[in-house]
PDB file of all heavy atoms in Angstrom:
ATOM      1  N   LEU A   1     -21.847   7.856  42.699  1.00  0.00           N
ATOM      2  CA  LEU A   1     -21.964   8.554  43.977  1.00  0.00           C
ATOM      3  C   LEU A   1     -22.485   9.975  43.768  1.00  0.00           C
ATOM      4  O   LEU A   1     -23.391  10.428  44.486  1.00  0.00           O
ATOM      5  CB  LEU A   1     -20.607   8.582  44.686  1.00  0.00           C
ATOM      6  CG  LEU A   1     -20.581   9.201  46.085  1.00  0.00           C
ATOM      7  CD1 LEU A   1     -21.536   8.461  47.019  1.00  0.00           C
ATOM      8  CD2 LEU A   1     -19.163   9.176  46.652  1.00  0.00           C
ATOM      9  N   VAL A   2     -21.929  10.674  42.785  1.00  0.00           N
ATOM     10  CA  VAL A   2     -22.406  12.030  42.476  1.00  0.00           C
ATOM     11  C   VAL A   2     -23.862  11.987  42.030  1.00  0.00           C
ATOM     12  O   VAL A   2     -24.692  12.819  42.431  1.00  0.00           O
ATOM     13  CB  VAL A   2     -21.519  12.682  41.393  1.00  0.00           C
ATOM     14  CG1 VAL A   2     -22.105  14.030  40.969  1.00  0.00           C
ATOM     15  CG2 VAL A   2     -20.099  12.874  41.904  1.00  0.00           C
ATOM     16  N   GLY A   3     -24.200  10.994  41.208  1.00  0.00           N
ATOM     17  CA  GLY A   3     -25.580  10.850  40.764  1.00  0.00           C
ATOM     18  C   GLY A   3     -26.536  10.589  41.907  1.00  0.00           C
ATOM     19  O   GLY A   3     -27.658  11.124  41.938  1.00  0.00           O
ATOM     20  N   SER A   4     -26.107   9.799  42.875  1.00  0.00           N
ATOM     21  CA  SER A   4     -26.954   9.494  44.026  1.00  0.00           C
ATOM     22  C   SER A   4     -27.171  10.729  44.894  1.00  0.00           C
ATOM     23  O   SER A   4     -28.263  10.943  45.434  1.00  0.00           O
ATOM     24  CB  SER A   4     -26.322   8.376  44.857  1.00  0.00           C
ATOM     25  OG  SER A   4     -26.286   7.173  44.123  1.00  0.00           O
ATOM     26  N   VAL A   5     -26.132  11.553  45.040  1.00  0.00           N
ATOM     27  CA  VAL A   5     -26.287  12.802  45.786  1.00  0.00           C
ATOM     28  C   VAL A   5     -27.301  13.702  45.084  1.00  0.00           C
ATOM     29  O   VAL A   5     -28.177  14.308  45.722  1.00  0.00           O
ATOM     30  CB  VAL A   5     -24.929  13.526  45.921  1.00  0.00           C
ATOM     31  CG1 VAL A   5     -25.125  14.930  46.502  1.00  0.00           C
ATOM     32  CG2 VAL A   5     -23.979  12.722  46.802  1.00  0.00           C
ATOM     33  N   ALA A   6     -27.205  13.777  43.760  1.00  0.00           N
ATOM     34  CA  ALA A   6     -28.149  14.589  42.987  1.00  0.00           C
ATOM     35  C   ALA A   6     -29.578  14.069  43.145  1.00  0.00           C
ATOM     36  O   ALA A   6     -30.524  14.858  43.300  1.00  0.00           O
ATOM     37  CB  ALA A   6     -27.749  14.607  41.514  1.00  0.00           C
ATOM     38  N   PHE A   7     -29.760  12.752  43.129  1.00  0.00           N
ATOM     39  CA  PHE A   7     -31.092  12.183  43.330  1.00  0.00           C
ATOM     40  C   PHE A   7     -31.616  12.518  44.725  1.00  0.00           C
ATOM     41  O   PHE A   7     -32.813  12.738  44.913  1.00  0.00           O
ATOM     42  CB  PHE A   7     -31.046  10.663  43.124  1.00  0.00           C
ATOM     43  CG  PHE A   7     -31.474  10.229  41.752  1.00  0.00           C
ATOM     44  CD1 PHE A   7     -31.142  10.978  40.631  1.00  0.00           C
ATOM     45  CD2 PHE A   7     -32.199   9.067  41.566  1.00  0.00           C
ATOM     46  CE1 PHE A   7     -31.533  10.587  39.358  1.00  0.00           C
ATOM     47  CE2 PHE A   7     -32.597   8.658  40.302  1.00  0.00           C
ATOM     48  CZ  PHE A   7     -32.271   9.423  39.191  1.00  0.00           C
ATOM     49  N   GLY A   8     -30.710  12.539  45.705  1.00  0.00           N
ATOM     50  CA  GLY A   8     -31.123  12.894  47.060  1.00  0.00           C
ATOM     51  C   GLY A   8     -31.602  14.327  47.134  1.00  0.00           C
ATOM     52  O   GLY A   8     -32.636  14.625  47.765  1.00  0.00           O
ATOM     53  N   VAL A   9     -30.872  15.242  46.502  1.00  0.00           N
ATOM     54  CA  VAL A   9     -31.289  16.650  46.453  1.00  0.00           C
ATOM     55  C   VAL A   9     -32.613  16.777  45.706  1.00  0.00           C
ATOM     56  O   VAL A   9     -33.495  17.560  46.083  1.00  0.00           O
ATOM     57  CB  VAL A   9     -30.198  17.512  45.788  1.00  0.00           C
ATOM     58  CG1 VAL A   9     -30.672  18.959  45.659  1.00  0.00           C
ATOM     59  CG2 VAL A   9     -28.903  17.450  46.593  1.00  0.00           C
ATOM     60  N   SER A  10     -32.769  15.983  44.659  1.00  0.00           N
ATOM     61  CA  SER A  10     -34.011  15.990  43.900  1.00  0.00           C
ATOM     62  C   SER A  10     -35.191  15.581  44.773  1.00  0.00           C
ATOM     63  O   SER A  10     -36.278  16.178  44.689  1.00  0.00           O
ATOM     64  CB  SER A  10     -33.900  15.039  42.706  1.00  0.00           C
ATOM     65  OG  SER A  10     -35.152  14.868  42.076  1.00  0.00           O
ATOM     66  N   ALA A  11     -34.982  14.576  45.610  1.00  0.00           N
ATOM     67  CA  ALA A  11     -36.062  14.111  46.490  1.00  0.00           C
ATOM     68  C   ALA A  11     -36.473  15.208  47.466  1.00  0.00           C
ATOM     69  O   ALA A  11     -37.657  15.345  47.798  1.00  0.00           O
ATOM     70  CB  ALA A  11     -35.616  12.867  47.252  1.00  0.00           C
ATOM     71  N   VAL A  12     -35.516  15.989  47.930  1.00  0.00           N
ATOM     72  CA  VAL A  12     -35.840  17.108  48.825  1.00  0.00           C
ATOM     73  C   VAL A  12     -36.704  18.129  48.082  1.00  0.00           C
ATOM     74  O   VAL A  12     -37.711  18.620  48.608  1.00  0.00           O
ATOM     75  CB  VAL A  12     -34.557  17.776  49.355  1.00  0.00           C
ATOM     76  CG1 VAL A  12     -34.900  19.030  50.154  1.00  0.00           C
ATOM     77  CG2 VAL A  12     -33.770  16.801  50.217  1.00  0.00           C
ATOM     78  N   GLY A  13     -36.302  18.453  46.859  1.00  0.00           N
ATOM     79  CA  GLY A  13     -37.075  19.414  46.070  1.00  0.00           C
ATOM     80  C   GLY A  13     -38.449  18.903  45.698  1.00  0.00           C
ATOM     81  O   GLY A  13     -39.389  19.689  45.524  1.00  0.00           O
ATOM     82  N   ALA A  14     -38.582  17.577  45.580  1.00  0.00           N
ATOM     83  CA  ALA A  14     -39.853  16.987  45.156  1.00  0.00           C
ATOM     84  C   ALA A  14     -40.813  16.744  46.310  1.00  0.00           C
ATOM     85  O   ALA A  14     -41.882  16.154  46.106  1.00  0.00           O
ATOM     86  CB  ALA A  14     -39.590  15.670  44.432  1.00  0.00           C
ATOM     87  N   TYR A  15     -40.465  17.193  47.500  1.00  0.00           N
ATOM     88  CA  TYR A  15     -41.333  16.979  48.675  1.00  0.00           C
ATOM     89  C   TYR A  15     -42.747  17.482  48.397  1.00  0.00           C
ATOM     90  O   TYR A  15     -42.945  18.609  47.942  1.00  0.00           O
ATOM     91  CB  TYR A  15     -40.770  17.694  49.900  1.00  0.00           C
ATOM     92  CG  TYR A  15     -41.676  17.624  51.104  1.00  0.00           C
ATOM     93  CD1 TYR A  15     -41.749  16.471  51.880  1.00  0.00           C
ATOM     94  CD2 TYR A  15     -42.486  18.710  51.455  1.00  0.00           C
ATOM     95  CE1 TYR A  15     -42.592  16.398  52.978  1.00  0.00           C
ATOM     96  CE2 TYR A  15     -43.328  18.652  52.545  1.00  0.00           C
ATOM     97  CZ  TYR A  15     -43.380  17.498  53.300  1.00  0.00           C
ATOM     98  OH  TYR A  15     -44.222  17.427  54.381  1.00  0.00           O
ATOM     99  N   VAL A  16     -43.719  16.626  48.689  1.00  0.00           N
ATOM    100  CA  VAL A  16     -45.129  16.964  48.472  1.00  0.00           C
ATOM    101  C   VAL A  16     -45.790  17.239  49.814  1.00  0.00           C
ATOM    102  O   VAL A  16     -45.794  16.381  50.703  1.00  0.00           O
ATOM    103  CB  VAL A  16     -45.871  15.820  47.751  1.00  0.00           C
ATOM    104  CG1 VAL A  16     -47.344  16.170  47.572  1.00  0.00           C
ATOM    105  CG2 VAL A  16     -45.228  15.529  46.396  1.00  0.00           C
ATOM    106  N   ASN A  17     -46.340  18.406  49.967  1.00  0.00           N
ATOM    107  CA  ASN A  17     -47.062  18.757  51.186  1.00  0.00           C
ATOM    108  C   ASN A  17     -48.312  17.891  51.285  1.00  0.00           C
ATOM    109  O   ASN A  17     -49.157  17.912  50.375  1.00  0.00           O
ATOM    110  CB  ASN A  17     -47.447  20.238  51.159  1.00  0.00           C
ATOM    111  CG  ASN A  17     -48.029  20.712  52.484  1.00  0.00           C
ATOM    112  OD1 ASN A  17     -49.026  20.164  52.967  1.00  0.00           O
ATOM    113  ND2 ASN A  17     -47.421  21.734  53.051  1.00  0.00           N
ATOM    114  N   PRO A  18     -48.466  17.099  52.358  1.00  0.00           N
ATOM    115  CA  PRO A  18     -49.608  16.180  52.440  1.00  0.00           C
ATOM    116  C   PRO A  18     -50.956  16.871  52.617  1.00  0.00           C
ATOM    117  O   PRO A  18     -51.999  16.220  52.503  1.00  0.00           O
ATOM    118  CB  PRO A  18     -49.268  15.326  53.674  1.00  0.00           C
ATOM    119  CG  PRO A  18     -48.373  16.199  54.494  1.00  0.00           C
ATOM    120  CD  PRO A  18     -47.577  17.000  53.507  1.00  0.00           C
ATOM    121  N   VAL A  19     -50.944  18.159  52.879  1.00  0.00           N
ATOM    122  CA  VAL A  19     -52.198  18.900  53.057  1.00  0.00           C
ATOM    123  C   VAL A  19     -52.588  19.632  51.783  1.00  0.00           C
ATOM    124  O   VAL A  19     -53.704  19.485  51.267  1.00  0.00           O
ATOM    125  CB  VAL A  19     -52.080  19.899  54.229  1.00  0.00           C
ATOM    126  CG1 VAL A  19     -53.378  20.707  54.346  1.00  0.00           C
ATOM    127  CG2 VAL A  19     -51.781  19.180  55.526  1.00  0.00           C
ATOM    128  N   SER A  20     -51.649  20.408  51.258  1.00  0.00           N
ATOM    129  CA  SER A  20     -51.955  21.221  50.075  1.00  0.00           C
ATOM    130  C   SER A  20     -51.635  20.520  48.755  1.00  0.00           C
ATOM    131  O   SER A  20     -52.161  20.879  47.710  1.00  0.00           O
ATOM    132  CB  SER A  20     -51.179  22.540  50.137  1.00  0.00           C
ATOM    133  OG  SER A  20     -49.779  22.299  50.036  1.00  0.00           O
ATOM    134  N   GLY A  21     -50.742  19.526  48.809  1.00  0.00           N
ATOM    135  CA  GLY A  21     -50.324  18.842  47.592  1.00  0.00           C
ATOM    136  C   GLY A  21     -49.282  19.603  46.811  1.00  0.00           C
ATOM    137  O   GLY A  21     -48.866  19.171  45.732  1.00  0.00           O
ATOM    138  N   GLN A  22     -48.827  20.725  47.349  1.00  0.00           N
ATOM    139  CA  GLN A  22     -47.846  21.544  46.654  1.00  0.00           C
ATOM    140  C   GLN A  22     -46.467  20.909  46.726  1.00  0.00           C
ATOM    141  O   GLN A  22     -46.045  20.404  47.771  1.00  0.00           O
ATOM    142  CB  GLN A  22     -47.800  22.949  47.270  1.00  0.00           C
ATOM    143  CG  GLN A  22     -46.854  23.899  46.579  1.00  0.00           C
ATOM    144  CD  GLN A  22     -46.910  25.299  47.169  1.00  0.00           C
ATOM    145  OE1 GLN A  22     -47.674  25.557  48.099  1.00  0.00           O
ATOM    146  NE2 GLN A  22     -46.104  26.206  46.629  1.00  0.00           N
ATOM    147  N   VAL A  23     -45.748  20.924  45.597  1.00  0.00           N
ATOM    148  CA  VAL A  23     -44.383  20.408  45.532  1.00  0.00           C
ATOM    149  C   VAL A  23     -43.431  21.498  45.993  1.00  0.00           C
ATOM    150  O   VAL A  23     -43.547  22.662  45.573  1.00  0.00           O
ATOM    151  CB  VAL A  23     -44.033  19.957  44.106  1.00  0.00           C
ATOM    152  CG1 VAL A  23     -42.582  19.467  44.039  1.00  0.00           C
ATOM    153  CG2 VAL A  23     -44.981  18.853  43.650  1.00  0.00           C
ATOM    154  N   HIS A  24     -42.487  21.152  46.831  1.00  0.00           N
ATOM    155  CA  HIS A  24     -41.587  22.134  47.438  1.00  0.00           C
ATOM    156  C   HIS A  24     -40.829  22.941  46.389  1.00  0.00           C
ATOM    157  O   HIS A  24     -40.845  24.182  46.405  1.00  0.00           O
ATOM    158  CB  HIS A  24     -40.593  21.422  48.363  1.00  0.00           C
ATOM    159  CG  HIS A  24     -39.546  22.310  48.943  1.00  0.00           C
ATOM    160  ND1 HIS A  24     -39.835  23.354  49.786  1.00  0.00           N
ATOM    161  CD2 HIS A  24     -38.186  22.337  48.776  1.00  0.00           C
ATOM    162  CE1 HIS A  24     -38.719  23.978  50.141  1.00  0.00           C
ATOM    163  NE2 HIS A  24     -37.712  23.383  49.535  1.00  0.00           N
ATOM    164  N   ASN A  25     -40.161  22.259  45.460  1.00  0.00           N
ATOM    165  CA  ASN A  25     -39.405  22.956  44.418  1.00  0.00           C
ATOM    166  C   ASN A  25     -39.299  22.025  43.210  1.00  0.00           C
ATOM    167  O   ASN A  25     -38.308  21.316  43.040  1.00  0.00           O
ATOM    168  CB  ASN A  25     -38.020  23.350  44.925  1.00  0.00           C
ATOM    169  CG  ASN A  25     -37.298  24.320  44.002  1.00  0.00           C
ATOM    170  OD1 ASN A  25     -37.530  24.331  42.796  1.00  0.00           O
ATOM    171  ND2 ASN A  25     -36.422  25.136  44.549  1.00  0.00           N
ATOM    172  N   ALA A  26     -40.318  22.069  42.363  1.00  0.00           N
ATOM    173  CA  ALA A  26     -40.392  21.148  41.227  1.00  0.00           C
ATOM    174  C   ALA A  26     -39.253  21.367  40.238  1.00  0.00           C
ATOM    175  O   ALA A  26     -38.714  20.404  39.676  1.00  0.00           O
ATOM    176  CB  ALA A  26     -41.737  21.305  40.523  1.00  0.00           C
ATOM    177  N   GLN A  27     -38.874  22.613  40.035  1.00  0.00           N
ATOM    178  CA  GLN A  27     -37.807  22.896  39.076  1.00  0.00           C
ATOM    179  C   GLN A  27     -36.474  22.335  39.560  1.00  0.00           C
ATOM    180  O   GLN A  27     -35.735  21.724  38.780  1.00  0.00           O
ATOM    181  CB  GLN A  27     -37.680  24.402  38.844  1.00  0.00           C
ATOM    182  CG  GLN A  27     -36.627  24.763  37.807  1.00  0.00           C
ATOM    183  CD  GLN A  27     -36.582  26.264  37.529  1.00  0.00           C
ATOM    184  OE1 GLN A  27     -37.342  27.031  38.108  1.00  0.00           O
ATOM    185  NE2 GLN A  27     -35.703  26.666  36.630  1.00  0.00           N
TER     186      GLN A  27
END
């Protein structure tokens, strides 16, 4: 469960802007 929450937060940080291609927060 903790791991899944972390993966969810990771997905938010990995958001890719469909126009610029910039990743929201890669680190």
